[in-house]
PDB file of N, CA and C in Angstrom:
ATOM      1  N   MET A   1    -177.114-103.540 -44.403  1.00  0.00           N
ATOM      2  CA  MET A   1    -176.962-104.378 -43.240  1.00  0.00           C
ATOM      3  C   MET A   1    -177.338-103.627 -41.977  1.00  0.00           C
ATOM      4  N   SER A   2    -176.893-102.384 -41.838  1.00  0.00           N
ATOM      5  CA  SER A   2    -177.213-101.630 -40.629  1.00  0.00           C
ATOM      6  C   SER A   2    -178.706-101.326 -40.538  1.00  0.00           C
ATOM      7  N   THR A   3    -179.397-101.224 -41.675  1.00  0.00           N
ATOM      8  CA  THR A   3    -180.838-100.996 -41.647  1.00  0.00           C
ATOM      9  C   THR A   3    -181.544-102.154 -40.959  1.00  0.00           C
ATOM     10  N   ASN A   4    -181.140-103.387 -41.269  1.00  0.00           N
ATOM     11  CA  ASN A   4    -181.732-104.559 -40.632  1.00  0.00           C
ATOM     12  C   ASN A   4    -181.456-104.559 -39.132  1.00  0.00           C
ATOM     13  N   ILE A   5    -180.251-104.204 -38.749  1.00  0.00           N
ATOM     14  CA  ILE A   5    -179.908-104.181 -37.327  1.00  0.00           C
ATOM     15  C   ILE A   5    -180.750-103.137 -36.608  1.00  0.00           C
ATOM     16  N   THR A   6    -180.938-101.977 -37.208  1.00  0.00           N
ATOM     17  CA  THR A   6    -181.768-100.932 -36.609  1.00  0.00           C
ATOM     18  C   THR A   6    -183.202-101.413 -36.465  1.00  0.00           C
ATOM     19  N   ALA A   7    -183.735-102.071 -37.482  1.00  0.00           N
ATOM     20  CA  ALA A   7    -185.110-102.574 -37.428  1.00  0.00           C
ATOM     21  C   ALA A   7    -185.263-103.581 -36.302  1.00  0.00           C
ATOM     22  N   ILE A   8    -184.307-104.458 -36.142  1.00  0.00           N
ATOM     23  CA  ILE A   8    -184.361-105.449 -35.068  1.00  0.00           C
ATOM     24  C   ILE A   8    -184.295-104.750 -33.717  1.00  0.00           C
ATOM     25  N   THR A   9    -183.414-103.776 -33.567  1.00  0.00           N
ATOM     26  CA  THR A   9    -183.284-103.039 -32.311  1.00  0.00           C
ATOM     27  C   THR A   9    -184.575-102.314 -31.977  1.00  0.00           C
ATOM     28  N   ASP A  10    -185.199-101.676 -32.954  1.00  0.00           N
ATOM     29  CA  ASP A  10    -186.464-100.978 -32.725  1.00  0.00           C
ATOM     30  C   ASP A  10    -187.537-101.944 -32.239  1.00  0.00           C
ATOM     31  N   THR A  11    -187.603-103.123 -32.834  1.00  0.00           N
ATOM     32  CA  THR A  11    -188.583-104.125 -32.425  1.00  0.00           C
ATOM     33  C   THR A  11    -188.340-104.571 -30.994  1.00  0.00           C
ATOM     34  N   VAL A  12    -187.101-104.828 -30.634  1.00  0.00           N
ATOM     35  CA  VAL A  12    -186.761-105.255 -29.280  1.00  0.00           C
ATOM     36  C   VAL A  12    -187.124-104.178 -28.272  1.00  0.00           C
ATOM     37  N   ASN A  13    -186.771-102.911 -28.556  1.00  0.00           N
ATOM     38  CA  ASN A  13    -187.085-101.820 -27.630  1.00  0.00           C
ATOM     39  C   ASN A  13    -188.593-101.654 -27.457  1.00  0.00           C
ATOM     40  N   ALA A  14    -189.352-101.776 -28.530  1.00  0.00           N
ATOM     41  CA  ALA A  14    -190.805-101.630 -28.440  1.00  0.00           C
ATOM     42  C   ALA A  14    -191.403-102.766 -27.617  1.00  0.00           C
ATOM     43  N   SER A  15    -190.863-103.973 -27.736  1.00  0.00           N
ATOM     44  CA  SER A  15    -191.441-105.113 -27.028  1.00  0.00           C
ATOM     45  C   SER A  15    -191.176-105.055 -25.530  1.00  0.00           C
ATOM     46  N   LYS A  16    -190.195-104.288 -25.083  1.00  0.00           N
ATOM     47  CA  LYS A  16    -189.913-104.172 -23.656  1.00  0.00           C
ATOM     48  C   LYS A  16    -191.088-103.550 -22.909  1.00  0.00           C
ATOM     49  N   GLN A  17    -191.874-102.747 -23.586  1.00  0.00           N
ATOM     50  CA  GLN A  17    -193.024-102.118 -22.948  1.00  0.00           C
ATOM     51  C   GLN A  17    -194.072-103.150 -22.544  1.00  0.00           C
ATOM     52  N   ASP A  18    -194.176-104.234 -23.294  1.00  0.00           N
ATOM     53  CA  ASP A  18    -195.211-105.235 -23.060  1.00  0.00           C
ATOM     54  C   ASP A  18    -194.664-106.552 -22.522  1.00  0.00           C
ATOM     55  N   ARG A  19    -193.430-106.578 -22.071  1.00  0.00           N
ATOM     56  CA  ARG A  19    -192.847-107.856 -21.656  1.00  0.00           C
ATOM     57  C   ARG A  19    -193.527-108.381 -20.393  1.00  0.00           C
ATOM     58  N   VAL A  20    -193.536-109.701 -20.286  1.00  0.00           N
ATOM     59  CA  VAL A  20    -194.082-110.364 -19.106  1.00  0.00           C
ATOM     60  C   VAL A  20    -193.002-111.286 -18.556  1.00  0.00           C
ATOM     61  N   GLN A  21    -193.119-111.605 -17.299  1.00  0.00           N
ATOM     62  CA  GLN A  21    -192.122-112.490 -16.730  1.00  0.00           C
ATOM     63  C   GLN A  21    -192.292-113.888 -17.296  1.00  0.00           C
ATOM     64  N   PHE A  22    -191.180-114.606 -17.383  1.00  0.00           N
ATOM     65  CA  PHE A  22    -191.138-115.931 -18.001  1.00  0.00           C
ATOM     66  C   PHE A  22    -192.208-116.866 -17.431  1.00  0.00           C
ATOM     67  N   GLN A  23    -192.337-116.923 -16.112  1.00  0.00           N
ATOM     68  CA  GLN A  23    -193.247-117.885 -15.513  1.00  0.00           C
ATOM     69  C   GLN A  23    -194.713-117.604 -15.848  1.00  0.00           C
ATOM     70  N   ARG A  24    -195.043-116.384 -16.220  1.00  0.00           N
ATOM     71  CA  ARG A  24    -196.421-116.073 -16.591  1.00  0.00           C
ATOM     72  C   ARG A  24    -196.766-116.558 -17.987  1.00  0.00           C
ATOM     73  N   LEU A  25    -195.770-116.954 -18.748  1.00  0.00           N
ATOM     74  CA  LEU A  25    -196.013-117.471 -20.091  1.00  0.00           C
ATOM     75  C   LEU A  25    -196.522-118.904 -20.072  1.00  0.00           C
ATOM     76  N   PHE A  26    -196.403-119.576 -18.906  1.00  0.00           N
ATOM     77  CA  PHE A  26    -196.769-120.981 -18.797  1.00  0.00           C
ATOM     78  C   PHE A  26    -197.717-121.193 -17.628  1.00  0.00           C
ATOM     79  N   THR A  27    -198.632-122.143 -17.770  1.00  0.00           N
ATOM     80  CA  THR A  27    -199.600-122.414 -16.717  1.00  0.00           C
ATOM     81  C   THR A  27    -199.158-123.539 -15.795  1.00  0.00           C
ATOM     82  N   ASP A  28    -198.253-124.383 -16.263  1.00  0.00           N
ATOM     83  CA  ASP A  28    -197.816-125.525 -15.460  1.00  0.00           C
ATOM     84  C   ASP A  28    -196.491-126.051 -16.002  1.00  0.00           C
ATOM     85  N   ALA A  29    -195.748-126.709 -15.144  1.00  0.00           N
ATOM     86  CA  ALA A  29    -194.511-127.389 -15.545  1.00  0.00           C
ATOM     87  C   ALA A  29    -194.637-128.836 -15.098  1.00  0.00           C
ATOM     88  N   ILE A  30    -194.453-129.763 -16.023  1.00  0.00           N
ATOM     89  CA  ILE A  30    -194.568-131.188 -15.727  1.00  0.00           C
ATOM     90  C   ILE A  30    -193.187-131.826 -15.858  1.00  0.00           C
ATOM     91  N   PRO A  31    -192.523-132.106 -14.748  1.00  0.00           N
ATOM     92  CA  PRO A  31    -191.198-132.733 -14.826  1.00  0.00           C
ATOM     93  C   PRO A  31    -191.319-134.225 -15.166  1.00  0.00           C
ATOM     94  N   PHE A  32    -190.312-134.737 -15.863  1.00  0.00           N
ATOM     95  CA  PHE A  32    -190.267-136.171 -16.154  1.00  0.00           C
ATOM     96  C   PHE A  32    -188.812-136.602 -16.275  1.00  0.00           C
ATOM     97  N   SER A  33    -188.586-137.893 -16.164  1.00  0.00           N
ATOM     98  CA  SER A  33    -187.243-138.441 -16.370  1.00  0.00           C
ATOM     99  C   SER A  33    -187.378-139.860 -16.905  1.00  0.00           C
ATOM    100  N   PHE A  34    -186.321-140.341 -17.535  1.00  0.00           N
ATOM    101  CA  PHE A  34    -186.300-141.710 -18.058  1.00  0.00           C
ATOM    102  C   PHE A  34    -184.844-142.104 -18.258  1.00  0.00           C
ATOM    103  N   ASN A  35    -184.590-143.381 -18.424  1.00  0.00           N
ATOM    104  CA  ASN A  35    -183.231-143.868 -18.694  1.00  0.00           C
ATOM    105  C   ASN A  35    -183.040-144.049 -20.192  1.00  0.00           C
ATOM    106  N   GLY A  36    -181.968-143.462 -20.746  1.00  0.00           N
ATOM    107  CA  GLY A  36    -181.653-143.597 -22.166  1.00  0.00           C
ATOM    108  C   GLY A  36    -181.021-144.951 -22.439  1.00  0.00           C
ATOM    109  N   ASP A  37    -181.120-145.411 -23.691  1.00  0.00           N
ATOM    110  CA  ASP A  37    -180.547-146.722 -23.997  1.00  0.00           C
ATOM    111  C   ASP A  37    -179.908-146.827 -25.387  1.00  0.00           C
ATOM    112  N   ASP A  38    -179.507-145.694 -25.969  1.00  0.00           N
ATOM    113  CA  ASP A  38    -178.835-145.738 -27.272  1.00  0.00           C
ATOM    114  C   ASP A  38    -177.348-146.018 -27.071  1.00  0.00           C
ATOM    115  N   ASP A  39    -176.928-147.269 -27.302  1.00  0.00           N
ATOM    116  CA  ASP A  39    -175.521-147.636 -27.108  1.00  0.00           C
ATOM    117  C   ASP A  39    -174.635-147.084 -28.220  1.00  0.00           C
ATOM    118  N   THR A  40    -175.066-147.260 -29.458  1.00  0.00           N
ATOM    119  CA  THR A  40    -174.290-146.809 -30.604  1.00  0.00           C
ATOM    120  C   THR A  40    -175.238-146.184 -31.615  1.00  0.00           C
ATOM    121  N   ILE A  41    -174.844-145.034 -32.141  1.00  0.00           N
ATOM    122  CA  ILE A  41    -175.634-144.379 -33.180  1.00  0.00           C
ATOM    123  C   ILE A  41    -174.714-144.161 -34.368  1.00  0.00           C
ATOM    124  N   ALA A  42    -175.127-144.639 -35.540  1.00  0.00           N
ATOM    125  CA  ALA A  42    -174.312-144.515 -36.747  1.00  0.00           C
ATOM    126  C   ALA A  42    -174.131-143.043 -37.117  1.00  0.00           C
ATOM    127  N   ALA A  43    -173.098-142.771 -37.908  1.00  0.00           N
ATOM    128  CA  ALA A  43    -172.803-141.409 -38.344  1.00  0.00           C
ATOM    129  C   ALA A  43    -174.000-140.793 -39.060  1.00  0.00           C
ATOM    130  N   GLN A  44    -174.321-139.552 -38.689  1.00  0.00           N
ATOM    131  CA  GLN A  44    -175.401-138.790 -39.314  1.00  0.00           C
ATOM    132  C   GLN A  44    -176.761-139.503 -39.233  1.00  0.00           C
ATOM    133  N   VAL A  45    -176.970-140.235 -38.155  1.00  0.00           N
ATOM    134  CA  VAL A  45    -178.223-140.964 -37.944  1.00  0.00           C
ATOM    135  C   VAL A  45    -178.819-140.545 -36.612  1.00  0.00           C
ATOM    136  N   ALA A  46    -180.125-140.623 -36.500  1.00  0.00           N
ATOM    137  CA  ALA A  46    -180.808-140.262 -35.262  1.00  0.00           C
ATOM    138  C   ALA A  46    -181.449-141.480 -34.616  1.00  0.00           C
ATOM    139  N   GLY A  47    -181.386-141.527 -33.289  1.00  0.00           N
ATOM    140  CA  GLY A  47    -182.134-142.509 -32.517  1.00  0.00           C
ATOM    141  C   GLY A  47    -183.322-141.790 -31.912  1.00  0.00           C
ATOM    142  N   GLN A  48    -184.401-142.526 -31.654  1.00  0.00           N
ATOM    143  CA  GLN A  48    -185.608-141.867 -31.190  1.00  0.00           C
ATOM    144  C   GLN A  48    -186.344-142.767 -30.209  1.00  0.00           C
ATOM    145  N   CYS A  49    -186.955-142.164 -29.193  1.00  0.00           N
ATOM    146  CA  CYS A  49    -187.803-142.931 -28.283  1.00  0.00           C
ATOM    147  C   CYS A  49    -188.964-142.062 -27.835  1.00  0.00           C
ATOM    148  N   ASP A  50    -190.059-142.707 -27.483  1.00  0.00           N
ATOM    149  CA  ASP A  50    -191.234-142.011 -26.974  1.00  0.00           C
ATOM    150  C   ASP A  50    -191.315-142.206 -25.471  1.00  0.00           C
ATOM    151  N   VAL A  51    -191.677-141.143 -24.766  1.00  0.00           N
ATOM    152  CA  VAL A  51    -191.813-141.161 -23.322  1.00  0.00           C
ATOM    153  C   VAL A  51    -193.230-140.707 -22.992  1.00  0.00           C
ATOM    154  N   THR A  52    -193.910-141.456 -22.134  1.00  0.00           N
ATOM    155  CA  THR A  52    -195.249-141.052 -21.706  1.00  0.00           C
ATOM    156  C   THR A  52    -195.136-139.983 -20.629  1.00  0.00           C
ATOM    157  N   VAL A  53    -195.725-138.828 -20.904  1.00  0.00           N
ATOM    158  CA  VAL A  53    -195.760-137.721 -19.947  1.00  0.00           C
ATOM    159  C   VAL A  53    -197.212-137.285 -19.836  1.00  0.00           C
ATOM    160  N   THR A  54    -197.859-137.718 -18.781  1.00  0.00           N
ATOM    161  CA  THR A  54    -199.274-137.420 -18.585  1.00  0.00           C
ATOM    162  C   THR A  54    -199.489-135.910 -18.502  1.00  0.00           C
ATOM    163  N   GLY A  55    -200.387-135.423 -19.345  1.00  0.00           N
ATOM    164  CA  GLY A  55    -200.710-134.001 -19.363  1.00  0.00           C
ATOM    165  C   GLY A  55    -200.064-133.241 -20.504  1.00  0.00           C
ATOM    166  N   ALA A  56    -199.081-133.844 -21.180  1.00  0.00           N
ATOM    167  CA  ALA A  56    -198.436-133.173 -22.319  1.00  0.00           C
ATOM    168  C   ALA A  56    -199.414-133.106 -23.491  1.00  0.00           C
ATOM    169  N   SER A  57    -199.411-131.986 -24.196  1.00  0.00           N
ATOM    170  CA  SER A  57    -200.266-131.862 -25.372  1.00  0.00           C
ATOM    171  C   SER A  57    -199.541-131.084 -26.464  1.00  0.00           C
ATOM    172  N   LEU A  58    -200.019-131.251 -27.683  1.00  0.00           N
ATOM    173  CA  LEU A  58    -199.398-130.574 -28.822  1.00  0.00           C
ATOM    174  C   LEU A  58    -199.343-129.076 -28.566  1.00  0.00           C
ATOM    175  N   GLY A  59    -198.223-128.470 -28.896  1.00  0.00           N
ATOM    176  CA  GLY A  59    -198.031-127.040 -28.695  1.00  0.00           C
ATOM    177  C   GLY A  59    -197.318-126.696 -27.405  1.00  0.00           C
ATOM    178  N   ASP A  60    -197.159-127.678 -26.503  1.00  0.00           N
ATOM    179  CA  ASP A  60    -196.402-127.437 -25.273  1.00  0.00           C
ATOM    180  C   ASP A  60    -194.915-127.383 -25.589  1.00  0.00           C
ATOM    181  N   PHE A  61    -194.156-126.711 -24.752  1.00  0.00           N
ATOM    182  CA  PHE A  61    -192.706-126.629 -24.877  1.00  0.00           C
ATOM    183  C   PHE A  61    -192.078-127.766 -24.085  1.00  0.00           C
ATOM    184  N   VAL A  62    -190.952-128.280 -24.577  1.00  0.00           N
ATOM    185  CA  VAL A  62    -190.244-129.346 -23.864  1.00  0.00           C
ATOM    186  C   VAL A  62    -188.770-128.988 -23.763  1.00  0.00           C
ATOM    187  N   LEU A  63    -188.229-129.082 -22.558  1.00  0.00           N
ATOM    188  CA  LEU A  63    -186.795-128.931 -22.317  1.00  0.00           C
ATOM    189  C   LEU A  63    -186.260-130.296 -21.903  1.00  0.00           C
ATOM    190  N   ILE A  64    -185.071-130.656 -22.391  1.00  0.00           N
ATOM    191  CA  ILE A  64    -184.497-131.975 -22.097  1.00  0.00           C
ATOM    192  C   ILE A  64    -183.004-131.833 -21.828  1.00  0.00           C
ATOM    193  N   ALA A  65    -182.498-132.638 -20.891  1.00  0.00           N
ATOM    194  CA  ALA A  65    -181.070-132.620 -20.582  1.00  0.00           C
ATOM    195  C   ALA A  65    -180.614-134.030 -20.207  1.00  0.00           C
ATOM    196  N   PRO A  66    -179.569-134.549 -20.893  1.00  0.00           N
ATOM    197  CA  PRO A  66    -179.026-135.844 -20.485  1.00  0.00           C
ATOM    198  C   PRO A  66    -178.191-135.668 -19.220  1.00  0.00           C
ATOM    199  N   GLY A  67    -178.171-136.682 -18.393  1.00  0.00           N
ATOM    200  CA  GLY A  67    -177.420-136.624 -17.147  1.00  0.00           C
ATOM    201  C   GLY A  67    -175.947-136.945 -17.296  1.00  0.00           C
ATOM    202  N   VAL A  68    -175.458-137.051 -18.541  1.00  0.00           N
ATOM    203  CA  VAL A  68    -174.043-137.335 -18.814  1.00  0.00           C
ATOM    204  C   VAL A  68    -173.578-136.477 -19.986  1.00  0.00           C
ATOM    205  N   ASP A  69    -172.265-136.461 -20.230  1.00  0.00           N
ATOM    206  CA  ASP A  69    -171.722-135.792 -21.415  1.00  0.00           C
ATOM    207  C   ASP A  69    -172.316-136.465 -22.641  1.00  0.00           C
ATOM    208  N   ASN A  70    -172.834-135.694 -23.553  1.00  0.00           N
ATOM    209  CA  ASN A  70    -173.511-136.304 -24.702  1.00  0.00           C
ATOM    210  C   ASN A  70    -172.593-136.624 -25.885  1.00  0.00           C
ATOM    211  N   ASN A  71    -171.284-136.409 -25.760  1.00  0.00           N
ATOM    212  CA  ASN A  71    -170.326-136.830 -26.795  1.00  0.00           C
ATOM    213  C   ASN A  71    -170.754-136.465 -28.213  1.00  0.00           C
ATOM    214  N   ALA A  72    -171.006-135.190 -28.457  1.00  0.00           N
ATOM    215  CA  ALA A  72    -171.346-134.673 -29.788  1.00  0.00           C
ATOM    216  C   ALA A  72    -172.674-135.214 -30.316  1.00  0.00           C
ATOM    217  N   GLN A  73    -173.563-135.545 -29.424  1.00  0.00           N
ATOM    218  CA  GLN A  73    -174.914-135.934 -29.810  1.00  0.00           C
ATOM    219  C   GLN A  73    -175.834-134.737 -29.551  1.00  0.00           C
ATOM    220  N   ILE A  74    -176.729-134.473 -30.478  1.00  0.00           N
ATOM    221  CA  ILE A  74    -177.721-133.423 -30.281  1.00  0.00           C
ATOM    222  C   ILE A  74    -178.997-134.088 -29.783  1.00  0.00           C
ATOM    223  N   VAL A  75    -179.502-133.628 -28.653  1.00  0.00           N
ATOM    224  CA  VAL A  75    -180.705-134.210 -28.063  1.00  0.00           C
ATOM    225  C   VAL A  75    -181.819-133.177 -28.107  1.00  0.00           C
ATOM    226  N   THR A  76    -182.954-133.564 -28.686  1.00  0.00           N
ATOM    227  CA  THR A  76    -184.122-132.690 -28.748  1.00  0.00           C
ATOM    228  C   THR A  76    -185.345-133.453 -28.246  1.00  0.00           C
ATOM    229  N   ALA A  77    -186.365-132.716 -27.855  1.00  0.00           N
ATOM    230  CA  ALA A  77    -187.612-133.346 -27.418  1.00  0.00           C
ATOM    231  C   ALA A  77    -188.777-132.443 -27.772  1.00  0.00           C
ATOM    232  N   TYR A  78    -189.895-133.059 -28.118  1.00  0.00           N
ATOM    233  CA  TYR A  78    -191.096-132.305 -28.446  1.00  0.00           C
ATOM    234  C   TYR A  78    -192.310-133.206 -28.249  1.00  0.00           C
ATOM    235  N   VAL A  79    -193.473-132.592 -28.066  1.00  0.00           N
ATOM    236  CA  VAL A  79    -194.713-133.348 -27.898  1.00  0.00           C
ATOM    237  C   VAL A  79    -195.213-133.743 -29.283  1.00  0.00           C
ATOM    238  N   THR A  80    -195.446-135.050 -29.481  1.00  0.00           N
ATOM    239  CA  THR A  80    -195.905-135.544 -30.780  1.00  0.00           C
ATOM    240  C   THR A  80    -197.365-135.985 -30.760  1.00  0.00           C
ATOM    241  N   ALA A  81    -197.906-136.202 -29.567  1.00  0.00           N
ATOM    242  CA  ALA A  81    -199.313-136.585 -29.402  1.00  0.00           C
ATOM    243  C   ALA A  81    -199.671-136.350 -27.942  1.00  0.00           C
ATOM    244  N   ALA A  82    -200.949-136.440 -27.625  1.00  0.00           N
ATOM    245  CA  ALA A  82    -201.372-136.270 -26.237  1.00  0.00           C
ATOM    246  C   ALA A  82    -200.617-137.255 -25.349  1.00  0.00           C
ATOM    247  N   ASN A  83    -200.004-136.749 -24.288  1.00  0.00           N
ATOM    248  CA  ASN A  83    -199.276-137.552 -23.299  1.00  0.00           C
ATOM    249  C   ASN A  83    -198.018-138.225 -23.838  1.00  0.00           C
ATOM    250  N   THR A  84    -197.517-137.790 -24.982  1.00  0.00           N
ATOM    251  CA  THR A  84    -196.338-138.417 -25.584  1.00  0.00           C
ATOM    252  C   THR A  84    -195.284-137.379 -25.956  1.00  0.00           C
ATOM    253  N   VAL A  85    -194.079-137.550 -25.396  1.00  0.00           N
ATOM    254  CA  VAL A  85    -192.931-136.725 -25.751  1.00  0.00           C
ATOM    255  C   VAL A  85    -191.961-137.612 -26.532  1.00  0.00           C
ATOM    256  N   THR A  86    -191.547-137.163 -27.702  1.00  0.00           N
ATOM    257  CA  THR A  86    -190.565-137.891 -28.498  1.00  0.00           C
ATOM    258  C   THR A  86    -189.202-137.254 -28.289  1.00  0.00           C
ATOM    259  N   VAL A  87    -188.233-138.070 -27.900  1.00  0.00           N
ATOM    260  CA  VAL A  87    -186.866-137.612 -27.668  1.00  0.00           C
ATOM    261  C   VAL A  87    -186.009-138.160 -28.803  1.00  0.00           C
ATOM    262  N   THR A  88    -185.269-137.270 -29.458  1.00  0.00           N
ATOM    263  CA  THR A  88    -184.414-137.650 -30.582  1.00  0.00           C
ATOM    264  C   THR A  88    -182.961-137.356 -30.227  1.00  0.00           C
ATOM    265  N   THR A  89    -182.092-138.314 -30.513  1.00  0.00           N
ATOM    266  CA  THR A  89    -180.652-138.147 -30.332  1.00  0.00           C
ATOM    267  C   THR A  89    -180.007-138.268 -31.702  1.00  0.00           C
ATOM    268  N   PHE A  90    -179.278-137.231 -32.126  1.00  0.00           N
ATOM    269  CA  PHE A  90    -178.681-137.213 -33.457  1.00  0.00           C
ATOM    270  C   PHE A  90    -177.158-137.199 -33.342  1.00  0.00           C
ATOM    271  N   ASN A  91    -176.508-138.124 -34.037  1.00  0.00           N
ATOM    272  CA  ASN A  91    -175.047-138.200 -34.059  1.00  0.00           C
ATOM    273  C   ASN A  91    -174.528-137.262 -35.146  1.00  0.00           C
ATOM    274  N   VAL A  92    -173.901-136.170 -34.752  1.00  0.00           N
ATOM    275  CA  VAL A  92    -173.405-135.196 -35.719  1.00  0.00           C
ATOM    276  C   VAL A  92    -171.983-135.518 -36.192  1.00  0.00           C
ATOM    277  N   GLU A  93    -171.371-136.536 -35.632  1.00  0.00           N
ATOM    278  CA  GLU A  93    -170.019-136.940 -36.026  1.00  0.00           C
ATOM    279  C   GLU A  93    -170.041-137.591 -37.408  1.00  0.00           C
ATOM    280  N   GLY A  94    -168.893-137.632 -38.044  1.00  0.00           N
ATOM    281  CA  GLY A  94    -168.760-138.267 -39.355  1.00  0.00           C
ATOM    282  C   GLY A  94    -168.528-139.767 -39.256  1.00  0.00           C
ATOM    283  N   THR A  95    -168.454-140.299 -38.058  1.00  0.00           N
ATOM    284  CA  THR A  95    -168.241-141.734 -37.860  1.00  0.00           C
ATOM    285  C   THR A  95    -169.267-142.266 -36.861  1.00  0.00           C
ATOM    286  N   ASP A  96    -169.403-143.588 -36.833  1.00  0.00           N
ATOM    287  CA  ASP A  96    -170.285-144.190 -35.841  1.00  0.00           C
ATOM    288  C   ASP A  96    -169.790-143.813 -34.458  1.00  0.00           C
ATOM    289  N   ALA A  97    -170.686-143.626 -33.537  1.00  0.00           N
ATOM    290  CA  ALA A  97    -170.300-143.168 -32.207  1.00  0.00           C
ATOM    291  C   ALA A  97    -170.794-144.132 -31.134  1.00  0.00           C
ATOM    292  N   ASP A  98    -169.847-144.582 -30.316  1.00  0.00           N
ATOM    293  CA  ASP A  98    -170.245-145.266 -29.088  1.00  0.00           C
ATOM    294  C   ASP A  98    -170.627-144.147 -28.143  1.00  0.00           C
ATOM    295  N   THR A  99    -171.864-144.097 -27.777  1.00  0.00           N
ATOM    296  CA  THR A  99    -172.333-142.960 -27.002  1.00  0.00           C
ATOM    297  C   THR A  99    -172.152-143.181 -25.512  1.00  0.00           C
ATOM    298  N   SER A 100    -172.154-142.088 -24.783  1.00  0.00           N
ATOM    299  CA  SER A 100    -172.122-142.170 -23.330  1.00  0.00           C
ATOM    300  C   SER A 100    -173.476-142.623 -22.811  1.00  0.00           C
ATOM    301  N   PHE A 101    -174.432-142.807 -23.714  1.00  0.00           N
ATOM    302  CA  PHE A 101    -175.750-143.274 -23.316  1.00  0.00           C
ATOM    303  C   PHE A 101    -175.765-144.788 -23.122  1.00  0.00           C
ATOM    304  N   ALA A 102    -174.644-145.459 -23.398  1.00  0.00           N
ATOM    305  CA  ALA A 102    -174.559-146.913 -23.259  1.00  0.00           C
ATOM    306  C   ALA A 102    -174.806-147.358 -21.815  1.00  0.00           C
ATOM    307  N   ALA A 103    -174.496-146.514 -20.858  1.00  0.00           N
ATOM    308  CA  ALA A 103    -174.675-146.858 -19.446  1.00  0.00           C
ATOM    309  C   ALA A 103    -176.102-146.573 -18.965  1.00  0.00           C
ATOM    310  N   ASN A 104    -177.028-146.358 -19.903  1.00  0.00           N
ATOM    311  CA  ASN A 104    -178.423-146.056 -19.581  1.00  0.00           C
ATOM    312  C   ASN A 104    -178.554-144.886 -18.599  1.00  0.00           C
ATOM    313  N   PRO A 105    -178.008-143.735 -18.958  1.00  0.00           N
ATOM    314  CA  PRO A 105    -178.065-142.588 -18.047  1.00  0.00           C
ATOM    315  C   PRO A 105    -179.480-142.052 -17.912  1.00  0.00           C
ATOM    316  N   LYS A 106    -179.685-141.297 -16.888  1.00  0.00           N
ATOM    317  CA  LYS A 106    -180.973-140.648 -16.645  1.00  0.00           C
ATOM    318  C   LYS A 106    -181.046-139.390 -17.520  1.00  0.00           C
ATOM    319  N   PHE A 107    -182.169-139.186 -18.158  1.00  0.00           N
ATOM    320  CA  PHE A 107    -182.480-137.947 -18.867  1.00  0.00           C
ATOM    321  C   PHE A 107    -183.508-137.198 -18.025  1.00  0.00           C
ATOM    322  N   TYR A 108    -183.377-135.890 -17.977  1.00  0.00           N
ATOM    323  CA  TYR A 108    -184.288-135.063 -17.190  1.00  0.00           C
ATOM    324  C   TYR A 108    -184.990-134.101 -18.141  1.00  0.00           C
ATOM    325  N   GLY A 109    -186.294-133.977 -17.981  1.00  0.00           N
ATOM    326  CA  GLY A 109    -187.034-133.095 -18.855  1.00  0.00           C
ATOM    327  C   GLY A 109    -188.157-132.397 -18.126  1.00  0.00           C
ATOM    328  N   VAL A 110    -188.711-131.402 -18.795  1.00  0.00           N
ATOM    329  CA  VAL A 110    -189.881-130.700 -18.266  1.00  0.00           C
ATOM    330  C   VAL A 110    -190.740-130.258 -19.454  1.00  0.00           C
ATOM    331  N   VAL A 111    -192.030-130.500 -19.326  1.00  0.00           N
ATOM    332  CA  VAL A 111    -193.002-130.004 -20.296  1.00  0.00           C
ATOM    333  C   VAL A 111    -193.577-128.724 -19.717  1.00  0.00           C
ATOM    334  N   LEU A 112    -193.541-127.659 -20.499  1.00  0.00           N
ATOM    335  CA  LEU A 112    -194.086-126.371 -20.075  1.00  0.00           C
ATOM    336  C   LEU A 112    -195.408-126.150 -20.805  1.00  0.00           C
ATOM    337  N   LYS A 113    -196.489-126.089 -20.043  1.00  0.00           N
ATOM    338  CA  LYS A 113    -197.818-125.865 -20.609  1.00  0.00           C
ATOM    339  C   LYS A 113    -197.958-124.385 -20.942  1.00  0.00           C
ATOM    340  N   ARG A 114    -198.182-124.071 -22.196  1.00  0.00           N
ATOM    341  CA  ARG A 114    -198.245-122.670 -22.613  1.00  0.00           C
ATOM    342  C   ARG A 114    -199.528-122.021 -22.137  1.00  0.00           C
ATOM    343  N   SER A 115    -199.428-120.760 -21.784  1.00  0.00           N
ATOM    344  CA  SER A 115    -200.584-119.978 -21.358  1.00  0.00           C
ATOM    345  C   SER A 115    -201.339-119.498 -22.595  1.00  0.00           C
ATOM    346  N   THR A 116    -202.621-119.772 -22.643  1.00  0.00           N
ATOM    347  CA  THR A 116    -203.413-119.323 -23.791  1.00  0.00           C
ATOM    348  C   THR A 116    -203.652-117.820 -23.736  1.00  0.00           C
ATOM    349  N   THR A 117    -203.302-117.174 -22.620  1.00  0.00           N
ATOM    350  CA  THR A 117    -203.380-115.715 -22.533  1.00  0.00           C
ATOM    351  C   THR A 117    -202.386-115.081 -23.501  1.00  0.00           C
ATOM    352  N   TYR A 118    -201.208-115.694 -23.626  1.00  0.00           N
ATOM    353  CA  TYR A 118    -200.151-115.136 -24.474  1.00  0.00           C
ATOM    354  C   TYR A 118    -200.038-115.849 -25.814  1.00  0.00           C
ATOM    355  N   TRP A 119    -200.419-117.126 -25.857  1.00  0.00           N
ATOM    356  CA  TRP A 119    -200.399-117.889 -27.102  1.00  0.00           C
ATOM    357  C   TRP A 119    -201.742-118.565 -27.267  1.00  0.00           C
ATOM    358  N   PRO A 120    -202.717-117.880 -27.860  1.00  0.00           N
ATOM    359  CA  PRO A 120    -204.081-118.464 -27.975  1.00  0.00           C
ATOM    360  C   PRO A 120    -204.112-119.670 -28.904  1.00  0.00           C
TER     361      PRO A 120
END
């Protein structure tokens, strides 16, 4: 076990020599927002919606945040096609959940365009 920890530590220390600042990893940030509308999500089920984000492309990073308490819902987002971000809400509870998304809260997101200098 300690051998693995040492190997990981060595890798981290070596990478510090070549680190770049976070903002240099991306060429652009495209903010977006939309109103959610999942009133109820059954136990262990996911709801999904597509959001048009002009300029988004496959391989871009997406950050997403609901504007309300998500009540044990996992929210993820990723680019699924040119100009399309798919947002998924997953109910991790063992029972059906009346979500806080019933009030159509605002979701806030940003697409980060990756720099081909660091990720060709």
